[in-house]
Amino acid sequence: MRITTLQGLAATPFLDDLARLRIRVFRDFPYLYEGDLAYERGYAATYAAAAGSIIVLAQDGDRVVGASTGIPMREETAEFQAPFLGSVWDTDRIFYFGESVLLPEYRGQGLGVRFFEAREAHARQAGFDLCCFSAVQRPLDHPLRPADYQPLDAFWHNRGYVHHPELSTSFTWRDVGHSEKTAKPMSFWLKALDA
């Protein structure tokens, strides 16, 4: 298993891999995302183009089996910046983690931890004070919630992240089996990099 950290145009050859992984992994609960390859290619290209961004890849041989992204918050969309504007947190000091996506058969081997470590190291080196990410908030009684579903809250908490439900936004996508896009509530988890 190989972990590779890429910045800028060096990530270009892997953008389709990132797009396909997001579609595959986010199809499952809690995201239930009915993926769109054209949208995902554009999304992935943002990380190759944005100053200060990072893409971390997990590869089994030549196969990309996982990916994780990060970007300065000032380069993120208005939806993700909005909860921080006018708050005590300065968006110029925040590094935003886009996602960690890993194929199911590679989970539980420490790759998720390595994704967080690589992004945090990059953010520290770039002079950021805070890392954050957002996660979709689905109701506990959601009809598609698997009986054995385990949220990642404990994993995130063990990495030093604190849930801030007062920092929330919404993002729109089409759920699996639905014809229309709907807004989904998202809340943020934060970690001070000196912690």
N, C-alpha and C. Protein backbone atom coordinates (compact mmCIF):
# COMPACT_ATOMS: atom_id res chain seq x y z
N MET A 1 0.85 -1.18 0.00
CA MET A 1 0.00 0.00 0.00
C MET A 1 0.89 1.23 0.00
N ARG A 2 0.60 2.17 -0.87
CA ARG A 2 1.41 3.38 -0.99
C ARG A 2 0.52 4.61 -0.78
N ILE A 3 1.02 5.56 0.03
CA ILE A 3 0.35 6.84 0.23
C ILE A 3 1.16 7.90 -0.50
N THR A 4 0.50 8.65 -1.36
CA THR A 4 1.15 9.69 -2.14
C THR A 4 0.43 11.01 -1.91
N THR A 5 1.19 12.06 -1.70
CA THR A 5 0.63 13.40 -1.51
C THR A 5 0.94 14.24 -2.74
N LEU A 6 -0.08 14.82 -3.34
CA LEU A 6 0.07 15.59 -4.57
C LEU A 6 -0.50 16.99 -4.40
N GLN A 7 0.12 17.92 -5.11
CA GLN A 7 -0.37 19.29 -5.12
C GLN A 7 -0.44 19.80 -6.54
N GLY A 8 -1.39 20.68 -6.78
CA GLY A 8 -1.49 21.35 -8.06
C GLY A 8 -1.66 20.39 -9.23
N LEU A 9 -1.04 20.73 -10.33
CA LEU A 9 -1.23 19.98 -11.56
C LEU A 9 -0.68 18.56 -11.49
N ALA A 10 0.17 18.27 -10.50
CA ALA A 10 0.67 16.90 -10.33
C ALA A 10 -0.48 15.92 -10.07
N ALA A 11 -1.61 16.44 -9.58
CA ALA A 11 -2.77 15.58 -9.29
C ALA A 11 -3.60 15.27 -10.53
N THR A 12 -3.38 15.98 -11.62
CA THR A 12 -4.24 15.85 -12.80
C THR A 12 -4.45 14.42 -13.28
N PRO A 13 -3.42 13.58 -13.37
CA PRO A 13 -3.65 12.22 -13.86
C PRO A 13 -4.58 11.39 -12.97
N PHE A 14 -4.85 11.85 -11.74
CA PHE A 14 -5.63 11.05 -10.80
C PHE A 14 -7.02 11.63 -10.53
N LEU A 15 -7.38 12.68 -11.25
CA LEU A 15 -8.66 13.34 -10.97
C LEU A 15 -9.85 12.43 -11.28
N ASP A 16 -9.79 11.65 -12.33
CA ASP A 16 -10.88 10.72 -12.63
C ASP A 16 -10.98 9.64 -11.55
N ASP A 17 -9.83 9.21 -11.01
CA ASP A 17 -9.86 8.24 -9.91
C ASP A 17 -10.59 8.82 -8.70
N LEU A 18 -10.27 10.08 -8.37
CA LEU A 18 -10.95 10.74 -7.26
C LEU A 18 -12.45 10.84 -7.53
N ALA A 19 -12.81 11.23 -8.74
CA ALA A 19 -14.23 11.37 -9.10
C ALA A 19 -14.96 10.03 -8.94
N ARG A 20 -14.38 8.95 -9.46
CA ARG A 20 -15.03 7.63 -9.36
C ARG A 20 -15.13 7.15 -7.91
N LEU A 21 -14.09 7.39 -7.12
CA LEU A 21 -14.13 6.99 -5.71
C LEU A 21 -15.23 7.73 -4.96
N ARG A 22 -15.36 9.02 -5.20
CA ARG A 22 -16.41 9.79 -4.52
C ARG A 22 -17.79 9.23 -4.88
N ILE A 23 -18.01 8.94 -6.14
CA ILE A 23 -19.30 8.40 -6.56
C ILE A 23 -19.55 7.05 -5.88
N ARG A 24 -18.56 6.19 -5.86
CA ARG A 24 -18.72 4.85 -5.28
C ARG A 24 -18.95 4.91 -3.78
N VAL A 25 -18.09 5.64 -3.05
CA VAL A 25 -18.16 5.64 -1.59
C VAL A 25 -19.35 6.46 -1.07
N PHE A 26 -19.61 7.60 -1.69
CA PHE A 26 -20.70 8.44 -1.21
C PHE A 26 -22.08 7.93 -1.61
N ARG A 27 -22.14 6.86 -2.37
CA ARG A 27 -23.43 6.25 -2.69
C ARG A 27 -24.03 5.59 -1.44
N ASP A 28 -23.17 5.19 -0.51
CA ASP A 28 -23.60 4.53 0.71
C ASP A 28 -24.11 5.55 1.74
N PHE A 29 -24.85 5.06 2.70
CA PHE A 29 -25.31 5.89 3.80
C PHE A 29 -24.09 6.39 4.57
N PRO A 30 -24.06 7.63 5.02
CA PRO A 30 -25.17 8.58 5.12
C PRO A 30 -25.34 9.53 3.93
N TYR A 31 -24.41 9.51 2.96
CA TYR A 31 -24.51 10.48 1.88
C TYR A 31 -25.58 10.11 0.86
N LEU A 32 -25.67 8.85 0.48
CA LEU A 32 -26.70 8.39 -0.46
C LEU A 32 -26.67 9.20 -1.75
N TYR A 33 -25.47 9.48 -2.22
CA TYR A 33 -25.25 10.38 -3.35
C TYR A 33 -25.38 9.64 -4.67
N GLU A 34 -26.28 10.13 -5.50
CA GLU A 34 -26.44 9.60 -6.87
C GLU A 34 -25.45 10.36 -7.73
N GLY A 35 -24.26 9.81 -7.88
CA GLY A 35 -23.14 10.52 -8.47
C GLY A 35 -23.32 10.94 -9.91
N ASP A 36 -22.57 11.97 -10.26
CA ASP A 36 -22.57 12.52 -11.59
C ASP A 36 -21.11 12.73 -11.98
N LEU A 37 -20.61 11.96 -12.94
CA LEU A 37 -19.19 11.99 -13.28
C LEU A 37 -18.74 13.35 -13.79
N ALA A 38 -19.56 14.02 -14.56
CA ALA A 38 -19.19 15.35 -15.07
C ALA A 38 -19.01 16.32 -13.91
N TYR A 39 -19.96 16.33 -12.98
CA TYR A 39 -19.81 17.20 -11.81
C TYR A 39 -18.55 16.84 -11.03
N GLU A 40 -18.35 15.55 -10.81
CA GLU A 40 -17.21 15.11 -10.01
C GLU A 40 -15.87 15.47 -10.65
N ARG A 41 -15.79 15.40 -11.96
CA ARG A 41 -14.55 15.81 -12.63
C ARG A 41 -14.27 17.29 -12.39
N GLY A 42 -15.30 18.10 -12.46
CA GLY A 42 -15.14 19.54 -12.18
C GLY A 42 -14.74 19.78 -10.73
N TYR A 43 -15.38 19.05 -9.83
CA TYR A 43 -15.05 19.16 -8.41
C TYR A 43 -13.58 18.80 -8.19
N ALA A 44 -13.14 17.68 -8.74
CA ALA A 44 -11.75 17.23 -8.56
C ALA A 44 -10.77 18.24 -9.15
N ALA A 45 -11.12 18.83 -10.27
CA ALA A 45 -10.24 19.80 -10.92
C ALA A 45 -10.00 21.03 -10.03
N THR A 46 -10.97 21.35 -9.17
CA THR A 46 -10.80 22.47 -8.23
C THR A 46 -9.56 22.26 -7.37
N TYR A 47 -9.34 21.02 -6.96
CA TYR A 47 -8.20 20.74 -6.08
C TYR A 47 -6.87 20.79 -6.82
N ALA A 48 -6.88 20.52 -8.09
CA ALA A 48 -5.65 20.65 -8.87
C ALA A 48 -5.34 22.12 -9.15
N ALA A 49 -6.38 22.95 -9.23
CA ALA A 49 -6.20 24.35 -9.61
C ALA A 49 -5.99 25.28 -8.42
N ALA A 50 -6.51 24.94 -7.25
CA ALA A 50 -6.49 25.87 -6.11
C ALA A 50 -5.11 25.95 -5.47
N ALA A 51 -4.68 27.15 -5.22
CA ALA A 51 -3.40 27.37 -4.54
C ALA A 51 -3.47 26.78 -3.13
N GLY A 52 -2.46 26.00 -2.77
CA GLY A 52 -2.37 25.46 -1.42
C GLY A 52 -3.17 24.20 -1.16
N SER A 53 -3.80 23.64 -2.19
CA SER A 53 -4.61 22.44 -1.99
C SER A 53 -3.73 21.19 -1.95
N ILE A 54 -4.33 20.08 -1.56
CA ILE A 54 -3.62 18.81 -1.47
C ILE A 54 -4.58 17.67 -1.82
N ILE A 55 -4.04 16.66 -2.48
CA ILE A 55 -4.76 15.41 -2.70
C ILE A 55 -3.85 14.29 -2.21
N VAL A 56 -4.37 13.46 -1.32
CA VAL A 56 -3.62 12.33 -0.78
C VAL A 56 -4.25 11.07 -1.37
N LEU A 57 -3.42 10.23 -1.97
CA LEU A 57 -3.91 9.00 -2.60
C LEU A 57 -3.41 7.78 -1.84
N ALA A 58 -4.27 6.77 -1.75
CA ALA A 58 -3.87 5.44 -1.29
C ALA A 58 -3.92 4.54 -2.51
N GLN A 59 -2.79 3.88 -2.80
CA GLN A 59 -2.72 3.03 -3.98
C GLN A 59 -2.28 1.62 -3.59
N ASP A 60 -2.98 0.67 -4.14
CA ASP A 60 -2.62 -0.74 -4.03
C ASP A 60 -2.04 -1.10 -5.39
N GLY A 61 -0.71 -1.14 -5.49
CA GLY A 61 -0.09 -1.24 -6.80
C GLY A 61 -0.37 0.03 -7.56
N ASP A 62 -0.92 -0.09 -8.77
CA ASP A 62 -1.28 1.10 -9.56
C ASP A 62 -2.72 1.52 -9.36
N ARG A 63 -3.48 0.75 -8.59
CA ARG A 63 -4.91 1.03 -8.40
C ARG A 63 -5.11 2.03 -7.26
N VAL A 64 -5.83 3.11 -7.54
CA VAL A 64 -6.18 4.08 -6.50
C VAL A 64 -7.39 3.54 -5.75
N VAL A 65 -7.21 3.26 -4.45
CA VAL A 65 -8.27 2.66 -3.64
C VAL A 65 -8.82 3.63 -2.60
N GLY A 66 -8.17 4.78 -2.48
CA GLY A 66 -8.63 5.78 -1.53
C GLY A 66 -8.05 7.13 -1.87
N ALA A 67 -8.74 8.18 -1.44
CA ALA A 67 -8.26 9.53 -1.69
C ALA A 67 -8.82 10.46 -0.63
N SER A 68 -8.06 11.51 -0.40
CA SER A 68 -8.44 12.50 0.58
C SER A 68 -7.98 13.86 0.08
N THR A 69 -8.76 14.89 0.33
CA THR A 69 -8.41 16.21 -0.19
C THR A 69 -8.44 17.27 0.91
N GLY A 70 -7.76 18.36 0.62
CA GLY A 70 -7.79 19.51 1.51
C GLY A 70 -7.54 20.77 0.70
N ILE A 71 -8.06 21.88 1.21
CA ILE A 71 -7.98 23.15 0.48
C ILE A 71 -8.09 24.29 1.48
N PRO A 72 -7.38 25.39 1.28
CA PRO A 72 -7.59 26.54 2.16
C PRO A 72 -9.07 26.95 2.12
N MET A 73 -9.62 27.23 3.27
CA MET A 73 -11.04 27.60 3.33
C MET A 73 -11.36 28.77 2.41
N ARG A 74 -10.43 29.69 2.25
CA ARG A 74 -10.68 30.85 1.38
C ARG A 74 -10.90 30.45 -0.08
N GLU A 75 -10.50 29.22 -0.45
CA GLU A 75 -10.69 28.71 -1.80
C GLU A 75 -11.96 27.87 -1.93
N GLU A 76 -12.64 27.61 -0.82
CA GLU A 76 -13.85 26.78 -0.83
C GLU A 76 -15.05 27.59 -1.33
N THR A 77 -16.15 26.88 -1.55
CA THR A 77 -17.38 27.52 -2.03
C THR A 77 -18.02 28.36 -0.93
N ALA A 78 -18.91 29.23 -1.34
CA ALA A 78 -19.60 30.12 -0.40
C ALA A 78 -20.37 29.33 0.67
N GLU A 79 -20.94 28.17 0.29
CA GLU A 79 -21.71 27.38 1.26
C GLU A 79 -20.84 26.95 2.45
N PHE A 80 -19.60 26.61 2.18
CA PHE A 80 -18.73 26.11 3.25
C PHE A 80 -18.02 27.23 4.00
N GLN A 81 -17.86 28.39 3.38
CA GLN A 81 -17.29 29.53 4.08
C GLN A 81 -18.31 30.24 4.97
N ALA A 82 -19.56 30.24 4.55
CA ALA A 82 -20.60 31.06 5.20
C ALA A 82 -20.69 30.90 6.71
N PRO A 83 -20.65 29.69 7.29
CA PRO A 83 -20.80 29.59 8.74
C PRO A 83 -19.67 30.28 9.52
N PHE A 84 -18.53 30.52 8.88
CA PHE A 84 -17.39 31.11 9.57
C PHE A 84 -17.31 32.62 9.41
N LEU A 85 -17.98 33.15 8.40
CA LEU A 85 -17.92 34.58 8.17
C LEU A 85 -18.61 35.32 9.31
N GLY A 86 -17.94 36.31 9.85
CA GLY A 86 -18.49 37.06 10.97
C GLY A 86 -18.38 36.34 12.30
N SER A 87 -17.67 35.21 12.33
CA SER A 87 -17.49 34.46 13.58
C SER A 87 -16.10 34.75 14.14
N VAL A 88 -15.75 34.07 15.21
CA VAL A 88 -14.43 34.25 15.82
C VAL A 88 -13.33 33.59 14.99
N TRP A 89 -13.71 32.76 14.01
CA TRP A 89 -12.72 32.05 13.20
C TRP A 89 -12.46 32.80 11.90
N ASP A 90 -11.19 32.99 11.60
CA ASP A 90 -10.75 33.70 10.40
C ASP A 90 -10.56 32.67 9.29
N THR A 91 -11.33 32.81 8.22
CA THR A 91 -11.26 31.83 7.14
C THR A 91 -9.87 31.76 6.51
N ASP A 92 -9.08 32.82 6.60
CA ASP A 92 -7.72 32.77 6.06
C ASP A 92 -6.80 31.88 6.88
N ARG A 93 -7.21 31.49 8.08
CA ARG A 93 -6.39 30.66 8.96
C ARG A 93 -6.88 29.21 9.01
N ILE A 94 -7.94 28.90 8.23
CA ILE A 94 -8.56 27.57 8.29
C ILE A 94 -8.22 26.77 7.04
N PHE A 95 -7.87 25.50 7.26
CA PHE A 95 -7.65 24.57 6.17
C PHE A 95 -8.80 23.57 6.19
N TYR A 96 -9.50 23.44 5.06
CA TYR A 96 -10.71 22.62 4.97
C TYR A 96 -10.39 21.26 4.35
N PHE A 97 -10.87 20.20 5.00
CA PHE A 97 -10.73 18.85 4.47
C PHE A 97 -11.98 18.51 3.66
N GLY A 98 -11.79 18.25 2.38
CA GLY A 98 -12.92 17.97 1.50
C GLY A 98 -13.57 16.63 1.75
N GLU A 99 -12.80 15.56 1.77
CA GLU A 99 -13.34 14.23 2.00
C GLU A 99 -12.21 13.24 2.21
N SER A 100 -12.57 12.11 2.76
CA SER A 100 -11.73 10.91 2.77
C SER A 100 -12.61 9.80 2.25
N VAL A 101 -12.23 9.23 1.14
CA VAL A 101 -13.00 8.14 0.55
C VAL A 101 -12.07 6.94 0.36
N LEU A 102 -12.54 5.81 0.82
CA LEU A 102 -11.73 4.60 0.81
C LEU A 102 -12.65 3.42 0.51
N LEU A 103 -12.24 2.57 -0.43
CA LEU A 103 -13.05 1.41 -0.75
C LEU A 103 -13.22 0.53 0.49
N PRO A 104 -14.40 -0.07 0.66
CA PRO A 104 -14.69 -0.81 1.90
C PRO A 104 -13.66 -1.87 2.27
N GLU A 105 -13.13 -2.58 1.29
CA GLU A 105 -12.20 -3.67 1.60
C GLU A 105 -10.85 -3.17 2.12
N TYR A 106 -10.60 -1.86 2.08
CA TYR A 106 -9.33 -1.31 2.57
C TYR A 106 -9.50 -0.56 3.89
N ARG A 107 -10.69 -0.57 4.44
CA ARG A 107 -10.93 0.13 5.70
C ARG A 107 -10.41 -0.69 6.87
N GLY A 108 -10.15 0.00 7.98
CA GLY A 108 -9.68 -0.68 9.19
C GLY A 108 -8.21 -1.03 9.17
N GLN A 109 -7.45 -0.44 8.24
CA GLN A 109 -6.02 -0.73 8.12
C GLN A 109 -5.15 0.49 8.43
N GLY A 110 -5.76 1.54 8.97
CA GLY A 110 -5.01 2.73 9.35
C GLY A 110 -4.89 3.78 8.26
N LEU A 111 -5.49 3.55 7.09
CA LEU A 111 -5.36 4.52 6.01
C LEU A 111 -6.10 5.82 6.29
N GLY A 112 -7.24 5.73 6.97
CA GLY A 112 -7.96 6.95 7.33
C GLY A 112 -7.14 7.84 8.24
N VAL A 113 -6.44 7.23 9.19
CA VAL A 113 -5.55 7.99 10.09
C VAL A 113 -4.46 8.65 9.27
N ARG A 114 -3.89 7.92 8.34
CA ARG A 114 -2.81 8.48 7.51
C ARG A 114 -3.31 9.64 6.64
N PHE A 115 -4.54 9.55 6.18
CA PHE A 115 -5.12 10.67 5.43
C PHE A 115 -5.16 11.92 6.30
N PHE A 116 -5.65 11.77 7.53
CA PHE A 116 -5.71 12.93 8.43
C PHE A 116 -4.32 13.45 8.73
N GLU A 117 -3.38 12.58 9.01
CA GLU A 117 -2.01 13.01 9.33
C GLU A 117 -1.38 13.78 8.17
N ALA A 118 -1.56 13.30 6.97
CA ALA A 118 -0.96 13.97 5.80
C ALA A 118 -1.56 15.35 5.59
N ARG A 119 -2.88 15.46 5.73
CA ARG A 119 -3.52 16.76 5.51
C ARG A 119 -3.16 17.74 6.62
N GLU A 120 -3.12 17.25 7.87
CA GLU A 120 -2.74 18.13 8.97
C GLU A 120 -1.30 18.60 8.83
N ALA A 121 -0.39 17.71 8.44
CA ALA A 121 1.01 18.10 8.24
C ALA A 121 1.12 19.17 7.16
N HIS A 122 0.38 19.00 6.08
CA HIS A 122 0.38 19.98 5.00
C HIS A 122 -0.14 21.32 5.51
N ALA A 123 -1.24 21.30 6.26
CA ALA A 123 -1.82 22.55 6.77
C ALA A 123 -0.85 23.26 7.72
N ARG A 124 -0.22 22.50 8.61
CA ARG A 124 0.77 23.10 9.54
C ARG A 124 1.90 23.76 8.75
N GLN A 125 2.45 23.02 7.80
CA GLN A 125 3.57 23.53 7.01
C GLN A 125 3.18 24.80 6.25
N ALA A 126 1.93 24.89 5.84
CA ALA A 126 1.44 26.06 5.11
C ALA A 126 1.04 27.21 6.04
N GLY A 127 1.13 27.01 7.36
CA GLY A 127 0.88 28.08 8.31
C GLY A 127 -0.55 28.24 8.78
N PHE A 128 -1.40 27.22 8.57
CA PHE A 128 -2.78 27.30 9.04
C PHE A 128 -2.87 26.95 10.52
N ASP A 129 -3.84 27.55 11.21
CA ASP A 129 -4.02 27.34 12.65
C ASP A 129 -5.09 26.30 12.97
N LEU A 130 -5.97 26.05 12.04
CA LEU A 130 -7.16 25.25 12.31
C LEU A 130 -7.48 24.39 11.10
N CYS A 131 -7.88 23.15 11.35
CA CYS A 131 -8.41 22.27 10.30
C CYS A 131 -9.87 22.01 10.59
N CYS A 132 -10.65 21.83 9.56
CA CYS A 132 -12.06 21.50 9.76
C CYS A 132 -12.56 20.68 8.59
N PHE A 133 -13.69 20.05 8.81
CA PHE A 133 -14.41 19.36 7.75
C PHE A 133 -15.88 19.40 8.11
N SER A 134 -16.71 19.07 7.16
CA SER A 134 -18.15 19.02 7.42
C SER A 134 -18.65 17.62 7.10
N ALA A 135 -19.74 17.26 7.74
CA ALA A 135 -20.36 15.95 7.54
C ALA A 135 -21.87 16.12 7.45
N VAL A 136 -22.47 15.31 6.60
CA VAL A 136 -23.92 15.36 6.43
C VAL A 136 -24.60 14.89 7.73
N GLN A 137 -25.73 15.49 8.02
CA GLN A 137 -26.51 15.13 9.20
C GLN A 137 -27.81 14.47 8.75
N ARG A 138 -27.88 13.16 8.91
CA ARG A 138 -29.10 12.42 8.56
C ARG A 138 -29.85 12.08 9.85
N PRO A 139 -31.17 12.05 9.80
CA PRO A 139 -31.92 11.68 11.00
C PRO A 139 -31.64 10.23 11.42
N LEU A 140 -31.69 10.00 12.73
CA LEU A 140 -31.42 8.66 13.26
C LEU A 140 -32.40 7.62 12.72
N ASP A 141 -33.60 8.07 12.38
CA ASP A 141 -34.62 7.14 11.88
C ASP A 141 -34.73 7.15 10.36
N HIS A 142 -33.67 7.58 9.68
CA HIS A 142 -33.70 7.61 8.21
C HIS A 142 -34.00 6.20 7.69
N PRO A 143 -34.93 6.06 6.75
CA PRO A 143 -35.34 4.73 6.29
C PRO A 143 -34.22 3.93 5.62
N LEU A 144 -33.18 4.58 5.12
CA LEU A 144 -32.09 3.86 4.47
C LEU A 144 -30.87 3.67 5.37
N ARG A 145 -31.00 4.02 6.63
CA ARG A 145 -29.89 3.83 7.57
C ARG A 145 -29.75 2.33 7.85
N PRO A 146 -28.59 1.74 7.53
CA PRO A 146 -28.40 0.31 7.79
C PRO A 146 -28.42 0.02 9.30
N ALA A 147 -28.93 -1.13 9.66
CA ALA A 147 -29.01 -1.50 11.08
C ALA A 147 -27.64 -1.52 11.74
N ASP A 148 -26.61 -1.86 10.99
CA ASP A 148 -25.26 -1.96 11.55
C ASP A 148 -24.41 -0.70 11.30
N TYR A 149 -25.05 0.39 10.89
CA TYR A 149 -24.30 1.61 10.59
C TYR A 149 -23.60 2.17 11.83
N GLN A 150 -22.33 2.47 11.69
CA GLN A 150 -21.54 3.08 12.75
C GLN A 150 -21.04 4.44 12.27
N PRO A 151 -21.54 5.54 12.85
CA PRO A 151 -21.03 6.85 12.43
C PRO A 151 -19.55 6.98 12.78
N LEU A 152 -18.89 7.90 12.13
CA LEU A 152 -17.45 8.09 12.32
C LEU A 152 -17.11 9.08 13.44
N ASP A 153 -18.10 9.48 14.21
CA ASP A 153 -17.87 10.47 15.26
C ASP A 153 -16.73 10.09 16.20
N ALA A 154 -16.68 8.85 16.65
CA ALA A 154 -15.64 8.41 17.59
C ALA A 154 -14.26 8.49 16.94
N PHE A 155 -14.16 8.08 15.68
CA PHE A 155 -12.89 8.17 14.95
C PHE A 155 -12.43 9.62 14.87
N TRP A 156 -13.34 10.52 14.51
CA TRP A 156 -12.98 11.93 14.39
C TRP A 156 -12.59 12.50 15.75
N HIS A 157 -13.35 12.16 16.78
CA HIS A 157 -13.04 12.64 18.13
C HIS A 157 -11.65 12.15 18.56
N ASN A 158 -11.33 10.91 18.27
CA ASN A 158 -10.02 10.35 18.62
C ASN A 158 -8.88 11.02 17.87
N ARG A 159 -9.18 11.65 16.76
CA ARG A 159 -8.16 12.40 16.01
C ARG A 159 -8.04 13.83 16.53
N GLY A 160 -8.85 14.18 17.54
CA GLY A 160 -8.77 15.52 18.14
C GLY A 160 -9.76 16.52 17.62
N TYR A 161 -10.73 16.07 16.83
CA TYR A 161 -11.72 16.98 16.26
C TYR A 161 -12.92 17.11 17.20
N VAL A 162 -13.46 18.33 17.24
CA VAL A 162 -14.60 18.64 18.10
C VAL A 162 -15.77 19.04 17.20
N HIS A 163 -16.92 18.44 17.47
CA HIS A 163 -18.12 18.76 16.69
C HIS A 163 -18.66 20.12 17.11
N HIS A 164 -18.94 20.95 16.12
CA HIS A 164 -19.53 22.27 16.35
C HIS A 164 -20.84 22.36 15.57
N PRO A 165 -21.92 21.78 16.11
CA PRO A 165 -23.18 21.79 15.36
C PRO A 165 -23.74 23.19 15.13
N GLU A 166 -23.26 24.16 15.90
CA GLU A 166 -23.71 25.54 15.68
C GLU A 166 -23.14 26.10 14.38
N LEU A 167 -22.09 25.48 13.86
CA LEU A 167 -21.54 25.84 12.55
C LEU A 167 -22.14 24.88 11.53
N SER A 168 -23.09 25.36 10.80
CA SER A 168 -23.79 24.46 9.87
C SER A 168 -24.04 25.17 8.54
N THR A 169 -24.22 24.35 7.55
CA THR A 169 -24.53 24.83 6.22
C THR A 169 -25.42 23.78 5.56
N SER A 170 -25.73 23.96 4.31
CA SER A 170 -26.42 22.91 3.57
C SER A 170 -25.79 22.83 2.19
N PHE A 171 -25.88 21.64 1.63
CA PHE A 171 -25.34 21.42 0.29
C PHE A 171 -26.35 20.55 -0.45
N THR A 172 -26.45 20.76 -1.74
CA THR A 172 -27.50 20.12 -2.54
C THR A 172 -26.92 19.02 -3.42
N TRP A 173 -27.56 17.86 -3.38
CA TRP A 173 -27.25 16.79 -4.33
C TRP A 173 -28.48 15.89 -4.47
N ARG A 174 -28.40 15.00 -5.44
CA ARG A 174 -29.51 14.08 -5.70
C ARG A 174 -29.24 12.78 -4.97
N ASP A 175 -30.19 12.37 -4.13
CA ASP A 175 -30.09 11.11 -3.42
C ASP A 175 -30.31 9.93 -4.36
N VAL A 176 -29.74 8.80 -4.00
CA VAL A 176 -29.92 7.56 -4.75
C VAL A 176 -31.41 7.29 -4.94
N GLY A 177 -31.81 7.05 -6.18
CA GLY A 177 -33.19 6.72 -6.48
C GLY A 177 -34.13 7.91 -6.58
N HIS A 178 -33.61 9.13 -6.44
CA HIS A 178 -34.45 10.32 -6.52
C HIS A 178 -34.18 11.05 -7.83
N SER A 179 -35.16 11.80 -8.29
CA SER A 179 -34.99 12.52 -9.56
C SER A 179 -34.58 13.98 -9.35
N GLU A 180 -34.82 14.51 -8.16
CA GLU A 180 -34.52 15.92 -7.89
C GLU A 180 -33.44 16.06 -6.82
N LYS A 181 -32.66 17.12 -6.93
CA LYS A 181 -31.68 17.45 -5.90
C LYS A 181 -32.39 18.10 -4.71
N THR A 182 -31.91 17.83 -3.52
CA THR A 182 -32.43 18.46 -2.31
C THR A 182 -31.26 18.90 -1.44
N ALA A 183 -31.51 19.91 -0.62
CA ALA A 183 -30.49 20.42 0.29
C ALA A 183 -30.34 19.48 1.48
N LYS A 184 -29.09 19.23 1.86
CA LYS A 184 -28.79 18.37 3.02
C LYS A 184 -28.08 19.21 4.07
N PRO A 185 -28.47 19.08 5.34
CA PRO A 185 -27.75 19.81 6.40
C PRO A 185 -26.37 19.20 6.63
N MET A 186 -25.39 20.08 6.81
CA MET A 186 -24.01 19.67 7.07
C MET A 186 -23.54 20.43 8.32
N SER A 187 -22.81 19.76 9.19
CA SER A 187 -22.23 20.46 10.34
C SER A 187 -20.73 20.21 10.37
N PHE A 188 -20.03 21.05 11.12
CA PHE A 188 -18.58 21.09 11.06
C PHE A 188 -17.91 20.49 12.30
N TRP A 189 -16.72 19.94 12.07
CA TRP A 189 -15.81 19.45 13.09
C TRP A 189 -14.51 20.22 12.94
N LEU A 190 -13.94 20.67 14.07
CA LEU A 190 -12.76 21.53 14.04
C LEU A 190 -11.67 21.00 14.95
N LYS A 191 -10.43 21.31 14.58
CA LYS A 191 -9.27 20.98 15.40
C LYS A 191 -8.23 22.09 15.29
N ALA A 192 -7.78 22.60 16.44
CA ALA A 192 -6.67 23.54 16.45
C ALA A 192 -5.38 22.77 16.22
N LEU A 193 -4.54 23.26 15.33
CA LEU A 193 -3.37 22.51 14.96
C LEU A 193 -2.27 22.50 16.02
N ASP A 194 -2.40 23.33 17.04
CA ASP A 194 -1.43 23.25 18.15
C ASP A 194 -1.87 22.23 19.18
N ALA A 195 -3.08 21.66 18.97
CA ALA A 195 -3.63 20.69 19.93
C ALA A 195 -3.05 19.30 19.71
